[in-house]
Amino acid sequence: MTQNIKPTRTLDCIGLYCPEPVLRTRMELDKIATNEVLEVLADDPSAEEDIKSLVKRTGHALLNIEKEGNILRFIIRKIERG
């Protein structure tokens, strides 16, 4: 299960609004190594679709999305682009 996946890095985007969460997620994915896992926390309602779209476009793996209250938690594995 994805609950057992330990993120390599956490990006806290709580309090930031479009387009900041998706831009920061993109920059953070560029910084981490292939197969590392990024956890993104956001409370912007548009972050869910924006980050899903980013992950699909860039070819990384969206392992999980959880919602607790108004906080979204994304777990993304960086996949080698080739």
N, C-alpha and C. Protein backbone atom coordinates (compact mmCIF):
# COMPACT_ATOMS: atom_id res chain seq x y z
N MET A 1 0.83 -1.20 0.00
CA MET A 1 0.00 0.00 0.00
C MET A 1 0.86 1.25 0.00
N THR A 2 0.30 2.33 -0.49
CA THR A 2 1.04 3.58 -0.56
C THR A 2 1.31 4.20 0.81
N GLN A 3 0.57 3.77 1.84
CA GLN A 3 0.79 4.31 3.18
C GLN A 3 2.19 3.95 3.68
N ASN A 4 2.77 2.87 3.16
CA ASN A 4 4.10 2.43 3.59
C ASN A 4 5.22 3.16 2.86
N ILE A 5 4.90 3.93 1.85
CA ILE A 5 5.92 4.63 1.08
C ILE A 5 6.37 5.86 1.87
N LYS A 6 7.68 5.92 2.11
CA LYS A 6 8.24 7.04 2.86
C LYS A 6 8.74 8.08 1.85
N PRO A 7 8.17 9.29 1.89
CA PRO A 7 8.64 10.32 0.95
C PRO A 7 10.10 10.70 1.20
N THR A 8 10.81 10.96 0.13
CA THR A 8 12.18 11.43 0.21
C THR A 8 12.19 12.88 0.67
N ARG A 9 11.19 13.63 0.20
CA ARG A 9 11.12 15.06 0.48
C ARG A 9 9.66 15.48 0.57
N THR A 10 9.39 16.49 1.40
CA THR A 10 8.04 17.04 1.52
C THR A 10 8.05 18.49 1.07
N LEU A 11 7.08 18.83 0.25
CA LEU A 11 6.90 20.21 -0.22
C LEU A 11 5.60 20.73 0.38
N ASP A 12 5.70 21.76 1.20
CA ASP A 12 4.54 22.33 1.87
C ASP A 12 4.04 23.55 1.09
N CYS A 13 2.91 23.40 0.43
CA CYS A 13 2.32 24.49 -0.36
C CYS A 13 1.05 25.02 0.29
N ILE A 14 0.85 24.71 1.57
CA ILE A 14 -0.35 25.17 2.26
C ILE A 14 -0.33 26.69 2.36
N GLY A 15 -1.44 27.31 1.98
CA GLY A 15 -1.53 28.76 1.99
C GLY A 15 -1.13 29.40 0.67
N LEU A 16 -0.67 28.59 -0.29
CA LEU A 16 -0.28 29.11 -1.61
C LEU A 16 -1.39 28.79 -2.60
N TYR A 17 -1.59 29.70 -3.54
CA TYR A 17 -2.67 29.51 -4.50
C TYR A 17 -2.15 29.53 -5.92
N CYS A 18 -2.93 28.96 -6.80
CA CYS A 18 -2.63 28.80 -8.21
C CYS A 18 -1.94 30.05 -8.76
N PRO A 19 -0.82 29.89 -9.45
CA PRO A 19 -0.20 28.64 -9.89
C PRO A 19 0.94 28.15 -9.01
N GLU A 20 1.12 28.73 -7.83
CA GLU A 20 2.28 28.40 -6.99
C GLU A 20 2.43 26.90 -6.67
N PRO A 21 1.40 26.18 -6.19
CA PRO A 21 1.63 24.76 -5.86
C PRO A 21 2.15 23.94 -7.02
N VAL A 22 1.59 24.13 -8.20
CA VAL A 22 2.03 23.32 -9.35
C VAL A 22 3.42 23.75 -9.82
N LEU A 23 3.72 25.04 -9.77
CA LEU A 23 5.06 25.50 -10.16
C LEU A 23 6.13 24.97 -9.21
N ARG A 24 5.84 25.04 -7.92
CA ARG A 24 6.80 24.56 -6.92
C ARG A 24 6.97 23.04 -6.99
N THR A 25 5.87 22.33 -7.29
CA THR A 25 5.96 20.88 -7.45
C THR A 25 6.87 20.55 -8.62
N ARG A 26 6.70 21.25 -9.71
CA ARG A 26 7.54 21.04 -10.90
C ARG A 26 9.01 21.27 -10.58
N MET A 27 9.31 22.37 -9.89
CA MET A 27 10.71 22.68 -9.53
C MET A 27 11.28 21.62 -8.60
N GLU A 28 10.48 21.15 -7.66
CA GLU A 28 10.94 20.15 -6.70
C GLU A 28 11.20 18.82 -7.41
N LEU A 29 10.33 18.44 -8.34
CA LEU A 29 10.55 17.20 -9.11
C LEU A 29 11.83 17.29 -9.93
N ASP A 30 12.15 18.47 -10.42
CA ASP A 30 13.39 18.66 -11.18
C ASP A 30 14.61 18.46 -10.30
N LYS A 31 14.48 18.73 -9.01
CA LYS A 31 15.63 18.66 -8.08
C LYS A 31 15.91 17.26 -7.56
N ILE A 32 14.87 16.41 -7.46
CA ILE A 32 15.08 15.10 -6.84
C ILE A 32 15.54 14.07 -7.87
N ALA A 33 16.11 12.98 -7.37
CA ALA A 33 16.62 11.92 -8.23
C ALA A 33 15.50 10.98 -8.68
N THR A 34 15.75 10.28 -9.77
CA THR A 34 14.82 9.28 -10.28
C THR A 34 14.51 8.27 -9.18
N ASN A 35 13.26 7.88 -9.08
CA ASN A 35 12.71 6.93 -8.10
C ASN A 35 12.55 7.50 -6.71
N GLU A 36 12.96 8.74 -6.46
CA GLU A 36 12.68 9.35 -5.18
C GLU A 36 11.21 9.73 -5.14
N VAL A 37 10.67 9.88 -3.92
CA VAL A 37 9.25 10.14 -3.74
C VAL A 37 9.06 11.52 -3.11
N LEU A 38 8.21 12.31 -3.74
CA LEU A 38 7.89 13.65 -3.28
C LEU A 38 6.49 13.66 -2.69
N GLU A 39 6.38 14.21 -1.49
CA GLU A 39 5.08 14.42 -0.86
C GLU A 39 4.77 15.91 -1.01
N VAL A 40 3.59 16.23 -1.52
CA VAL A 40 3.17 17.62 -1.67
C VAL A 40 1.91 17.83 -0.84
N LEU A 41 1.93 18.86 -0.01
CA LEU A 41 0.77 19.24 0.79
C LEU A 41 0.24 20.56 0.25
N ALA A 42 -1.06 20.63 0.01
CA ALA A 42 -1.65 21.85 -0.54
C ALA A 42 -3.08 22.00 -0.05
N ASP A 43 -3.54 23.24 0.01
CA ASP A 43 -4.94 23.48 0.37
C ASP A 43 -5.66 24.31 -0.68
N ASP A 44 -5.03 24.53 -1.81
CA ASP A 44 -5.66 25.22 -2.93
C ASP A 44 -6.56 24.22 -3.66
N PRO A 45 -7.87 24.49 -3.74
CA PRO A 45 -8.77 23.53 -4.40
C PRO A 45 -8.36 23.17 -5.83
N SER A 46 -7.75 24.09 -6.54
CA SER A 46 -7.35 23.80 -7.93
C SER A 46 -6.07 22.97 -8.00
N ALA A 47 -5.39 22.78 -6.88
CA ALA A 47 -4.13 22.01 -6.88
C ALA A 47 -4.36 20.56 -7.30
N GLU A 48 -5.51 19.99 -6.94
CA GLU A 48 -5.75 18.59 -7.28
C GLU A 48 -5.67 18.35 -8.78
N GLU A 49 -6.43 19.12 -9.55
CA GLU A 49 -6.39 18.94 -11.01
C GLU A 49 -5.06 19.40 -11.60
N ASP A 50 -4.51 20.50 -11.08
CA ASP A 50 -3.25 21.03 -11.61
C ASP A 50 -2.11 20.03 -11.43
N ILE A 51 -2.01 19.46 -10.24
CA ILE A 51 -0.90 18.54 -9.97
C ILE A 51 -1.10 17.21 -10.68
N LYS A 52 -2.35 16.72 -10.76
CA LYS A 52 -2.63 15.51 -11.55
C LYS A 52 -2.18 15.72 -12.99
N SER A 53 -2.54 16.86 -13.54
CA SER A 53 -2.21 17.19 -14.92
C SER A 53 -0.69 17.29 -15.11
N LEU A 54 -0.01 17.93 -14.18
CA LEU A 54 1.46 18.05 -14.25
C LEU A 54 2.12 16.68 -14.26
N VAL A 55 1.69 15.81 -13.35
CA VAL A 55 2.30 14.49 -13.24
C VAL A 55 2.07 13.69 -14.52
N LYS A 56 0.88 13.77 -15.06
CA LYS A 56 0.57 13.06 -16.31
C LYS A 56 1.43 13.60 -17.47
N ARG A 57 1.52 14.92 -17.56
CA ARG A 57 2.28 15.57 -18.63
C ARG A 57 3.77 15.25 -18.56
N THR A 58 4.31 15.17 -17.35
CA THR A 58 5.75 14.96 -17.19
C THR A 58 6.13 13.48 -17.12
N GLY A 59 5.13 12.59 -17.02
CA GLY A 59 5.41 11.16 -17.05
C GLY A 59 5.84 10.57 -15.72
N HIS A 60 5.64 11.29 -14.63
CA HIS A 60 5.97 10.74 -13.31
C HIS A 60 4.78 9.92 -12.82
N ALA A 61 4.92 9.30 -11.65
CA ALA A 61 3.87 8.42 -11.14
C ALA A 61 3.19 9.05 -9.93
N LEU A 62 1.87 9.27 -10.05
CA LEU A 62 1.08 9.76 -8.93
C LEU A 62 0.63 8.52 -8.16
N LEU A 63 1.29 8.27 -7.03
CA LEU A 63 1.04 7.06 -6.27
C LEU A 63 -0.21 7.15 -5.40
N ASN A 64 -0.50 8.36 -4.92
CA ASN A 64 -1.65 8.49 -4.02
C ASN A 64 -2.05 9.95 -3.87
N ILE A 65 -3.34 10.16 -3.66
CA ILE A 65 -3.87 11.47 -3.26
C ILE A 65 -4.77 11.21 -2.06
N GLU A 66 -4.55 11.94 -1.00
CA GLU A 66 -5.42 11.84 0.18
C GLU A 66 -5.96 13.22 0.46
N LYS A 67 -7.17 13.26 0.97
CA LYS A 67 -7.76 14.54 1.34
C LYS A 67 -8.21 14.44 2.78
N GLU A 68 -7.72 15.35 3.60
CA GLU A 68 -8.14 15.41 4.99
C GLU A 68 -8.56 16.83 5.28
N GLY A 69 -9.87 17.03 5.46
CA GLY A 69 -10.38 18.39 5.59
C GLY A 69 -10.15 19.10 4.27
N ASN A 70 -9.48 20.25 4.32
CA ASN A 70 -9.19 20.97 3.07
C ASN A 70 -7.74 20.77 2.63
N ILE A 71 -7.02 19.83 3.28
CA ILE A 71 -5.62 19.58 2.93
C ILE A 71 -5.53 18.39 1.98
N LEU A 72 -4.85 18.61 0.86
CA LEU A 72 -4.57 17.54 -0.10
C LEU A 72 -3.14 17.07 0.10
N ARG A 73 -2.94 15.75 0.03
CA ARG A 73 -1.60 15.19 0.17
C ARG A 73 -1.35 14.32 -1.06
N PHE A 74 -0.36 14.71 -1.85
CA PHE A 74 0.01 13.99 -3.06
C PHE A 74 1.30 13.23 -2.82
N ILE A 75 1.38 12.00 -3.30
CA ILE A 75 2.61 11.21 -3.24
C ILE A 75 3.00 10.92 -4.70
N ILE A 76 4.16 11.45 -5.09
CA ILE A 76 4.61 11.37 -6.49
C ILE A 76 5.99 10.72 -6.55
N ARG A 77 6.13 9.70 -7.41
CA ARG A 77 7.44 9.09 -7.63
C ARG A 77 8.02 9.65 -8.92
N LYS A 78 9.26 10.11 -8.86
CA LYS A 78 9.90 10.63 -10.07
C LYS A 78 10.33 9.46 -10.95
N ILE A 79 9.91 9.52 -12.18
CA ILE A 79 10.22 8.47 -13.17
C ILE A 79 11.21 9.07 -14.17
N GLU A 80 12.19 8.25 -14.54
CA GLU A 80 13.18 8.69 -15.53
C GLU A 80 12.48 8.93 -16.85
N ARG A 81 12.73 10.10 -17.41
CA ARG A 81 12.16 10.41 -18.73
C ARG A 81 13.21 10.06 -19.78
N GLY A 82 12.82 9.28 -20.75
CA GLY A 82 13.81 8.88 -21.73
C GLY A 82 13.18 8.77 -23.03
